[in-house]
């Protein structure tokens, strides 16, 4: 039997406002609409949406401690069909989000979805390579939370995200299965970037949807100016 949205909120330990609940429903409808045109994702209906998209996007951040304001500026690198970025935008109404992807048609769809959700004033979509975006004036070293899900190997993603962070910021890498060899490689890459692993959380998704891991990196020093390297180099020559 498929999970309901109310069951998802209960599992997250969080109750959205009526407007937020409406936005999550509208987002599903919009995702289905654009998916018919662009084949954005197979995760659109029933548990595919509520567990593999919404729950998976939100569990590393919710519930928020009472009184916590949360991150003010968030970047989602490789947003694809808009996840986890659009789900974070709905759940964190005080935050401004920058959603980055290099595929123009995906950016068009995500921009339209943000508009339909009434989020255009605080969600900006950038059709740009991650290596170039992280060198933008006003972005590098200015982001509270940088996230990426299913983009590239962890050392590559770290090179995309860490240069964006403020001194107290965090990069969240959404991963599936994870082992010690993966962690050792990420640790080596993080050290080169002036960052360190500050958290590792794992959770089994409901309905036997598999194990999810989230890794959190925070700066220990300013990121060296040579990172991220030129377009394509992080993927061709990972730091670890």
C-alpha atoms as a PDB file:
ATOM      1  CA  UNK A   1       0.000   0.000   0.000  1.00  0.00           C
ATOM      2  CA  UNK A   2       1.357   3.403  -0.982  1.00  0.00           C
ATOM      3  CA  UNK A   3       2.438   5.864   1.680  1.00  0.00           C
ATOM      4  CA  UNK A   4       0.390   9.022   2.123  1.00  0.00           C
ATOM      5  CA  UNK A   5       1.891  12.469   2.520  1.00  0.00           C
ATOM      6  CA  UNK A   6       0.743  12.542   6.164  1.00  0.00           C
ATOM      7  CA  UNK A   7       2.699   9.347   6.828  1.00  0.00           C
ATOM      8  CA  UNK A   8       5.782  10.918   5.271  1.00  0.00           C
ATOM      9  CA  UNK A   9       5.517  13.977   7.542  1.00  0.00           C
ATOM     10  CA  UNK A  10       5.122  11.700  10.557  1.00  0.00           C
ATOM     11  CA  UNK A  11       8.249   9.745   9.623  1.00  0.00           C
ATOM     12  CA  UNK A  12      10.157  13.022   9.218  1.00  0.00           C
ATOM     13  CA  UNK A  13       8.903  14.348  12.562  1.00  0.00           C
ATOM     14  CA  UNK A  14       7.744  17.534  10.848  1.00  0.00           C
ATOM     15  CA  UNK A  15       4.391  19.103  10.091  1.00  0.00           C
ATOM     16  CA  UNK A  16       4.261  21.397   7.074  1.00  0.00           C
ATOM     17  CA  UNK A  17       1.909  24.349   7.011  1.00  0.00           C
ATOM     18  CA  UNK A  18      -1.230  24.090   4.893  1.00  0.00           C
ATOM     19  CA  UNK A  19       0.461  26.174   2.204  1.00  0.00           C
ATOM     20  CA  UNK A  20       3.571  23.993   2.223  1.00  0.00           C
ATOM     21  CA  UNK A  21       1.464  20.830   1.969  1.00  0.00           C
ATOM     22  CA  UNK A  22      -0.335  22.358  -1.024  1.00  0.00           C
ATOM     23  CA  UNK A  23       2.991  23.242  -2.646  1.00  0.00           C
ATOM     24  CA  UNK A  24       4.271  19.661  -2.360  1.00  0.00           C
ATOM     25  CA  UNK A  25       1.109  18.450  -4.125  1.00  0.00           C
ATOM     26  CA  UNK A  26       1.447  21.094  -6.828  1.00  0.00           C
ATOM     27  CA  UNK A  27       5.089  20.127  -7.262  1.00  0.00           C
ATOM     28  CA  UNK A  28       4.094  16.525  -7.968  1.00  0.00           C
ATOM     29  CA  UNK A  29       1.596  17.678 -10.604  1.00  0.00           C
ATOM     30  CA  UNK A  30       4.133  19.998 -12.185  1.00  0.00           C
ATOM     31  CA  UNK A  31       6.803  17.304 -12.196  1.00  0.00           C
ATOM     32  CA  UNK A  32       4.413  14.919 -13.968  1.00  0.00           C
ATOM     33  CA  UNK A  33       3.532  17.622 -16.506  1.00  0.00           C
ATOM     34  CA  UNK A  34       7.133  18.445 -17.372  1.00  0.00           C
ATOM     35  CA  UNK A  35       8.213  14.834 -17.227  1.00  0.00           C
ATOM     36  CA  UNK A  36       5.865  13.985 -20.097  1.00  0.00           C
ATOM     37  CA  UNK A  37       7.692  16.579 -22.196  1.00  0.00           C
ATOM     38  CA  UNK A  38      11.306  16.085 -21.132  1.00  0.00           C
ATOM     39  CA  UNK A  39      11.600  12.726 -19.360  1.00  0.00           C
ATOM     40  CA  UNK A  40      13.123  14.360 -16.288  1.00  0.00           C
ATOM     41  CA  UNK A  41      12.769  11.433 -13.894  1.00  0.00           C
ATOM     42  CA  UNK A  42      10.945   8.156 -13.358  1.00  0.00           C
ATOM     43  CA  UNK A  43      10.223   9.139  -9.732  1.00  0.00           C
ATOM     44  CA  UNK A  44       6.891  10.914 -10.150  1.00  0.00           C
ATOM     45  CA  UNK A  45       3.987   8.832  -8.870  1.00  0.00           C
ATOM     46  CA  UNK A  46       2.977   7.529  -5.424  1.00  0.00           C
ATOM     47  CA  UNK A  47       5.924   6.245  -3.346  1.00  0.00           C
ATOM     48  CA  UNK A  48       8.345   7.136  -6.123  1.00  0.00           C
ATOM     49  CA  UNK A  49       7.525  10.763  -5.436  1.00  0.00           C
ATOM     50  CA  UNK A  50       6.771  10.874  -1.715  1.00  0.00           C
ATOM     51  CA  UNK A  51       9.610   8.597  -0.597  1.00  0.00           C
ATOM     52  CA  UNK A  52      12.323   8.673  -3.266  1.00  0.00           C
ATOM     53  CA  UNK A  53      11.946  12.399  -3.946  1.00  0.00           C
ATOM     54  CA  UNK A  54      10.419  14.251  -0.976  1.00  0.00           C
ATOM     55  CA  UNK A  55      11.420  12.096   2.005  1.00  0.00           C
ATOM     56  CA  UNK A  56      14.890  11.491   0.586  1.00  0.00           C
ATOM     57  CA  UNK A  57      15.404  15.219  -0.005  1.00  0.00           C
ATOM     58  CA  UNK A  58      14.288  16.307   3.459  1.00  0.00           C
ATOM     59  CA  UNK A  59      15.391  13.685   5.972  1.00  0.00           C
ATOM     60  CA  UNK A  60      18.941  15.067   6.448  1.00  0.00           C
ATOM     61  CA  UNK A  61      17.536  18.483   7.440  1.00  0.00           C
ATOM     62  CA  UNK A  62      14.358  17.754   9.383  1.00  0.00           C
ATOM     63  CA  UNK A  63      13.055  18.115  11.981  1.00  0.00           C
ATOM     64  CA  UNK A  64      14.660  21.463  12.698  1.00  0.00           C
ATOM     65  CA  UNK A  65      15.439  22.193  16.352  1.00  0.00           C
ATOM     66  CA  UNK A  66      12.974  24.591  17.911  1.00  0.00           C
ATOM     67  CA  UNK A  67      13.969  28.173  17.199  1.00  0.00           C
ATOM     68  CA  UNK A  68      16.615  27.307  14.599  1.00  0.00           C
ATOM     69  CA  UNK A  69      16.429  29.596  11.599  1.00  0.00           C
ATOM     70  CA  UNK A  70      18.200  27.232   9.239  1.00  0.00           C
ATOM     71  CA  UNK A  71      20.405  28.095   6.281  1.00  0.00           C
ATOM     72  CA  UNK A  72      19.744  31.422   4.583  1.00  0.00           C
ATOM     73  CA  UNK A  73      21.419  30.674   1.266  1.00  0.00           C
ATOM     74  CA  UNK A  74      21.374  27.247  -0.360  1.00  0.00           C
ATOM     75  CA  UNK A  75      22.839  25.988  -3.618  1.00  0.00           C
ATOM     76  CA  UNK A  76      21.722  22.730  -5.273  1.00  0.00           C
ATOM     77  CA  UNK A  77      24.347  21.665  -7.811  1.00  0.00           C
ATOM     78  CA  UNK A  78      23.182  19.300 -10.556  1.00  0.00           C
ATOM     79  CA  UNK A  79      19.542  19.860  -9.663  1.00  0.00           C
ATOM     80  CA  UNK A  80      18.255  17.859 -12.661  1.00  0.00           C
ATOM     81  CA  UNK A  81      14.477  17.750 -12.276  1.00  0.00           C
ATOM     82  CA  UNK A  82      14.627  20.106  -9.298  1.00  0.00           C
ATOM     83  CA  UNK A  83      15.634  17.810  -6.437  1.00  0.00           C
ATOM     84  CA  UNK A  84      16.483  18.183  -3.703  1.00  0.00           C
ATOM     85  CA  UNK A  85      16.376  21.954  -4.321  1.00  0.00           C
ATOM     86  CA  UNK A  86      12.652  22.568  -4.829  1.00  0.00           C
ATOM     87  CA  UNK A  87      11.736  20.360  -1.858  1.00  0.00           C
ATOM     88  CA  UNK A  88      14.186  22.334   0.303  1.00  0.00           C
ATOM     89  CA  UNK A  89      12.744  25.620  -0.959  1.00  0.00           C
ATOM     90  CA  UNK A  90       9.259  24.611   0.139  1.00  0.00           C
ATOM     91  CA  UNK A  91      10.346  23.283   3.539  1.00  0.00           C
ATOM     92  CA  UNK A  92      12.694  26.200   4.369  1.00  0.00           C
ATOM     93  CA  UNK A  93      10.643  29.324   3.551  1.00  0.00           C
ATOM     94  CA  UNK A  94      13.286  31.711   4.931  1.00  0.00           C
ATOM     95  CA  UNK A  95      15.974  30.467   2.537  1.00  0.00           C
ATOM     96  CA  UNK A  96      17.056  31.699  -0.883  1.00  0.00           C
ATOM     97  CA  UNK A  97      18.058  28.954  -3.293  1.00  0.00           C
ATOM     98  CA  UNK A  98      20.266  28.783  -6.347  1.00  0.00           C
ATOM     99  CA  UNK A  99      19.591  25.694  -8.475  1.00  0.00           C
ATOM    100  CA  UNK A 100      22.372  24.835 -10.908  1.00  0.00           C
ATOM    101  CA  UNK A 101      22.346  22.487 -13.890  1.00  0.00           C
ATOM    102  CA  UNK A 102      24.133  22.452 -17.241  1.00  0.00           C
ATOM    103  CA  UNK A 103      21.148  21.078 -19.224  1.00  0.00           C
ATOM    104  CA  UNK A 104      19.168  23.982 -20.677  1.00  0.00           C
ATOM    105  CA  UNK A 105      15.855  22.148 -21.060  1.00  0.00           C
ATOM    106  CA  UNK A 106      15.957  20.876 -17.481  1.00  0.00           C
ATOM    107  CA  UNK A 107      16.637  24.415 -16.295  1.00  0.00           C
ATOM    108  CA  UNK A 108      13.635  25.635 -18.284  1.00  0.00           C
ATOM    109  CA  UNK A 109      11.402  23.044 -16.623  1.00  0.00           C
ATOM    110  CA  UNK A 110      12.677  23.714 -13.095  1.00  0.00           C
ATOM    111  CA  UNK A 111      12.304  27.463 -13.575  1.00  0.00           C
ATOM    112  CA  UNK A 112       8.692  26.953 -14.680  1.00  0.00           C
ATOM    113  CA  UNK A 113       7.982  24.678 -11.715  1.00  0.00           C
ATOM    114  CA  UNK A 114       9.393  27.238  -9.295  1.00  0.00           C
ATOM    115  CA  UNK A 115       7.137  29.875 -10.842  1.00  0.00           C
ATOM    116  CA  UNK A 116       4.054  27.631 -10.527  1.00  0.00           C
ATOM    117  CA  UNK A 117       4.898  27.091  -6.852  1.00  0.00           C
ATOM    118  CA  UNK A 118       5.133  30.831  -6.198  1.00  0.00           C
ATOM    119  CA  UNK A 119       8.846  30.546  -5.431  1.00  0.00           C
ATOM    120  CA  UNK A 120      10.338  32.717  -8.172  1.00  0.00           C
ATOM    121  CA  UNK A 121      11.224  35.516  -5.758  1.00  0.00           C
ATOM    122  CA  UNK A 122      13.669  33.315  -3.836  1.00  0.00           C
ATOM    123  CA  UNK A 123      14.569  30.466  -6.221  1.00  0.00           C
ATOM    124  CA  UNK A 124      16.941  31.237  -9.068  1.00  0.00           C
ATOM    125  CA  UNK A 125      17.841  28.649 -11.709  1.00  0.00           C
ATOM    126  CA  UNK A 126      21.257  28.833 -13.377  1.00  0.00           C
ATOM    127  CA  UNK A 127      22.072  26.940 -16.570  1.00  0.00           C
ATOM    128  CA  UNK A 128      25.792  26.656 -15.983  1.00  0.00           C
ATOM    129  CA  UNK A 129      28.587  24.207 -15.294  1.00  0.00           C
ATOM    130  CA  UNK A 130      29.305  23.690 -11.609  1.00  0.00           C
ATOM    131  CA  UNK A 131      32.997  24.552 -12.041  1.00  0.00           C
ATOM    132  CA  UNK A 132      32.102  27.992 -13.443  1.00  0.00           C
ATOM    133  CA  UNK A 133      29.283  28.685 -11.017  1.00  0.00           C
ATOM    134  CA  UNK A 134      31.579  28.173  -8.007  1.00  0.00           C
ATOM    135  CA  UNK A 135      33.851  30.937  -9.320  1.00  0.00           C
ATOM    136  CA  UNK A 136      31.108  33.517  -9.613  1.00  0.00           C
ATOM    137  CA  UNK A 137      31.576  36.733  -7.687  1.00  0.00           C
ATOM    138  CA  UNK A 138      28.969  36.705  -4.949  1.00  0.00           C
ATOM    139  CA  UNK A 139      28.781  32.911  -4.827  1.00  0.00           C
ATOM    140  CA  UNK A 140      32.220  31.664  -3.862  1.00  0.00           C
ATOM    141  CA  UNK A 141      32.491  31.614  -0.083  1.00  0.00           C
ATOM    142  CA  UNK A 142      28.954  32.971   0.334  1.00  0.00           C
ATOM    143  CA  UNK A 143      26.747  29.888   0.733  1.00  0.00           C
ATOM    144  CA  UNK A 144      25.410  28.452   4.004  1.00  0.00           C
ATOM    145  CA  UNK A 145      24.422  25.070   2.575  1.00  0.00           C
ATOM    146  CA  UNK A 146      25.504  23.450  -0.697  1.00  0.00           C
ATOM    147  CA  UNK A 147      23.897  20.151  -1.715  1.00  0.00           C
ATOM    148  CA  UNK A 148      24.166  17.625  -4.526  1.00  0.00           C
ATOM    149  CA  UNK A 149      22.351  14.346  -5.105  1.00  0.00           C
ATOM    150  CA  UNK A 150      23.366  11.655  -7.611  1.00  0.00           C
ATOM    151  CA  UNK A 151      25.715  13.969  -9.505  1.00  0.00           C
ATOM    152  CA  UNK A 152      29.197  12.389  -9.552  1.00  0.00           C
ATOM    153  CA  UNK A 153      31.656  10.482  -7.315  1.00  0.00           C
ATOM    154  CA  UNK A 154      31.976  12.079  -3.881  1.00  0.00           C
ATOM    155  CA  UNK A 155      35.449  13.652  -4.360  1.00  0.00           C
ATOM    156  CA  UNK A 156      34.200  15.307  -7.555  1.00  0.00           C
ATOM    157  CA  UNK A 157      31.087  16.639  -5.842  1.00  0.00           C
ATOM    158  CA  UNK A 158      33.179  17.957  -2.953  1.00  0.00           C
ATOM    159  CA  UNK A 159      35.243  20.007  -5.410  1.00  0.00           C
ATOM    160  CA  UNK A 160      32.025  21.519  -6.789  1.00  0.00           C
ATOM    161  CA  UNK A 161      30.520  22.354  -3.387  1.00  0.00           C
ATOM    162  CA  UNK A 162      33.221  23.263  -0.876  1.00  0.00           C
ATOM    163  CA  UNK A 163      34.451  26.429  -2.669  1.00  0.00           C
ATOM    164  CA  UNK A 164      30.942  27.870  -2.315  1.00  0.00           C
ATOM    165  CA  UNK A 165      30.800  27.643   1.488  1.00  0.00           C
ATOM    166  CA  UNK A 166      30.961  30.380   4.094  1.00  0.00           C
ATOM    167  CA  UNK A 167      33.355  29.669   6.999  1.00  0.00           C
ATOM    168  CA  UNK A 168      30.477  28.133   8.977  1.00  0.00           C
ATOM    169  CA  UNK A 169      28.739  26.510   6.014  1.00  0.00           C
ATOM    170  CA  UNK A 170      28.151  22.869   5.176  1.00  0.00           C
ATOM    171  CA  UNK A 171      28.218  20.788   2.016  1.00  0.00           C
ATOM    172  CA  UNK A 172      25.770  17.878   2.015  1.00  0.00           C
ATOM    173  CA  UNK A 173      26.502  14.986  -0.330  1.00  0.00           C
ATOM    174  CA  UNK A 174      23.519  12.692  -0.832  1.00  0.00           C
ATOM    175  CA  UNK A 175      24.775   9.178  -1.537  1.00  0.00           C
ATOM    176  CA  UNK A 176      23.476   5.615  -1.615  1.00  0.00           C
ATOM    177  CA  UNK A 177      25.625   2.829  -0.232  1.00  0.00           C
ATOM    178  CA  UNK A 178      28.849   3.943   1.409  1.00  0.00           C
ATOM    179  CA  UNK A 179      31.927   2.156   2.715  1.00  0.00           C
ATOM    180  CA  UNK A 180      35.224   2.960   4.380  1.00  0.00           C
ATOM    181  CA  UNK A 181      37.105   3.191   1.081  1.00  0.00           C
ATOM    182  CA  UNK A 182      34.595   5.808  -0.113  1.00  0.00           C
ATOM    183  CA  UNK A 183      35.045   7.734   3.110  1.00  0.00           C
ATOM    184  CA  UNK A 184      38.831   7.623   2.940  1.00  0.00           C
ATOM    185  CA  UNK A 185      38.751   9.027  -0.582  1.00  0.00           C
ATOM    186  CA  UNK A 186      36.360  11.797   0.373  1.00  0.00           C
ATOM    187  CA  UNK A 187      38.530  12.650   3.374  1.00  0.00           C
ATOM    188  CA  UNK A 188      41.605  13.055   1.182  1.00  0.00           C
ATOM    189  CA  UNK A 189      39.734  15.281  -1.256  1.00  0.00           C
ATOM    190  CA  UNK A 190      38.251  17.362   1.560  1.00  0.00           C
ATOM    191  CA  UNK A 191      41.705  17.987   3.074  1.00  0.00           C
ATOM    192  CA  UNK A 192      42.940  19.406  -0.237  1.00  0.00           C
ATOM    193  CA  UNK A 193      39.894  21.673  -0.370  1.00  0.00           C
ATOM    194  CA  UNK A 194      40.368  22.980   3.174  1.00  0.00           C
ATOM    195  CA  UNK A 195      37.431  21.036   4.625  1.00  0.00           C
ATOM    196  CA  UNK A 196      36.701  18.098   6.875  1.00  0.00           C
ATOM    197  CA  UNK A 197      33.955  15.518   7.305  1.00  0.00           C
ATOM    198  CA  UNK A 198      31.689  16.668  10.135  1.00  0.00           C
ATOM    199  CA  UNK A 199      28.856  14.186   9.881  1.00  0.00           C
ATOM    200  CA  UNK A 200      27.837  10.911   8.326  1.00  0.00           C
ATOM    201  CA  UNK A 201      24.222   9.806   8.646  1.00  0.00           C
ATOM    202  CA  UNK A 202      22.578   6.737   7.210  1.00  0.00           C
ATOM    203  CA  UNK A 203      18.952   5.816   6.977  1.00  0.00           C
ATOM    204  CA  UNK A 204      16.852   3.106   5.378  1.00  0.00           C
ATOM    205  CA  UNK A 205      14.148   4.692   3.273  1.00  0.00           C
ATOM    206  CA  UNK A 206      10.570   3.536   3.946  1.00  0.00           C
ATOM    207  CA  UNK A 207       8.972   0.807   1.832  1.00  0.00           C
ATOM    208  CA  UNK A 208      12.340  -0.931   1.362  1.00  0.00           C
ATOM    209  CA  UNK A 209      13.576   1.832  -0.920  1.00  0.00           C
ATOM    210  CA  UNK A 210      17.175   1.251   0.076  1.00  0.00           C
ATOM    211  CA  UNK A 211      19.924   2.697   2.218  1.00  0.00           C
ATOM    212  CA  UNK A 212      20.742   6.384   1.963  1.00  0.00           C
ATOM    213  CA  UNK A 213      23.840   8.114   3.263  1.00  0.00           C
ATOM    214  CA  UNK A 214      24.455  11.815   3.697  1.00  0.00           C
ATOM    215  CA  UNK A 215      27.950  13.222   4.231  1.00  0.00           C
ATOM    216  CA  UNK A 216      28.515  16.689   5.643  1.00  0.00           C
ATOM    217  CA  UNK A 217      31.688  18.680   4.939  1.00  0.00           C
ATOM    218  CA  UNK A 218      32.597  21.976   6.588  1.00  0.00           C
ATOM    219  CA  UNK A 219      35.531  24.319   5.907  1.00  0.00           C
ATOM    220  CA  UNK A 220      38.565  24.317   8.162  1.00  0.00           C
ATOM    221  CA  UNK A 221      40.385  26.974   6.110  1.00  0.00           C
ATOM    222  CA  UNK A 222      39.728  29.078   3.004  1.00  0.00           C
ATOM    223  CA  UNK A 223      39.409  26.864  -0.066  1.00  0.00           C
ATOM    224  CA  UNK A 224      42.532  27.219  -2.242  1.00  0.00           C
ATOM    225  CA  UNK A 225      41.924  29.451  -5.227  1.00  0.00           C
ATOM    226  CA  UNK A 226      42.785  26.742  -7.757  1.00  0.00           C
ATOM    227  CA  UNK A 227      39.587  24.858  -6.889  1.00  0.00           C
ATOM    228  CA  UNK A 228      37.364  24.043  -8.573  1.00  0.00           C
ATOM    229  CA  UNK A 229      39.604  23.333 -11.522  1.00  0.00           C
ATOM    230  CA  UNK A 230      38.691  24.007 -15.158  1.00  0.00           C
ATOM    231  CA  UNK A 231      35.526  22.539 -16.643  1.00  0.00           C
ATOM    232  CA  UNK A 232      35.770  18.767 -16.857  1.00  0.00           C
ATOM    233  CA  UNK A 233      38.957  18.367 -14.844  1.00  0.00           C
ATOM    234  CA  UNK A 234      37.312  17.391 -11.523  1.00  0.00           C
ATOM    235  CA  UNK A 235      35.564  14.470 -13.223  1.00  0.00           C
ATOM    236  CA  UNK A 236      38.535  13.430 -15.369  1.00  0.00           C
ATOM    237  CA  UNK A 237      41.081  13.697 -12.540  1.00  0.00           C
ATOM    238  CA  UNK A 238      39.287  13.346  -9.183  1.00  0.00           C
ATOM    239  CA  UNK A 239      41.159  14.584  -6.122  1.00  0.00           C
ATOM    240  CA  UNK A 240      40.980  11.073  -4.641  1.00  0.00           C
END
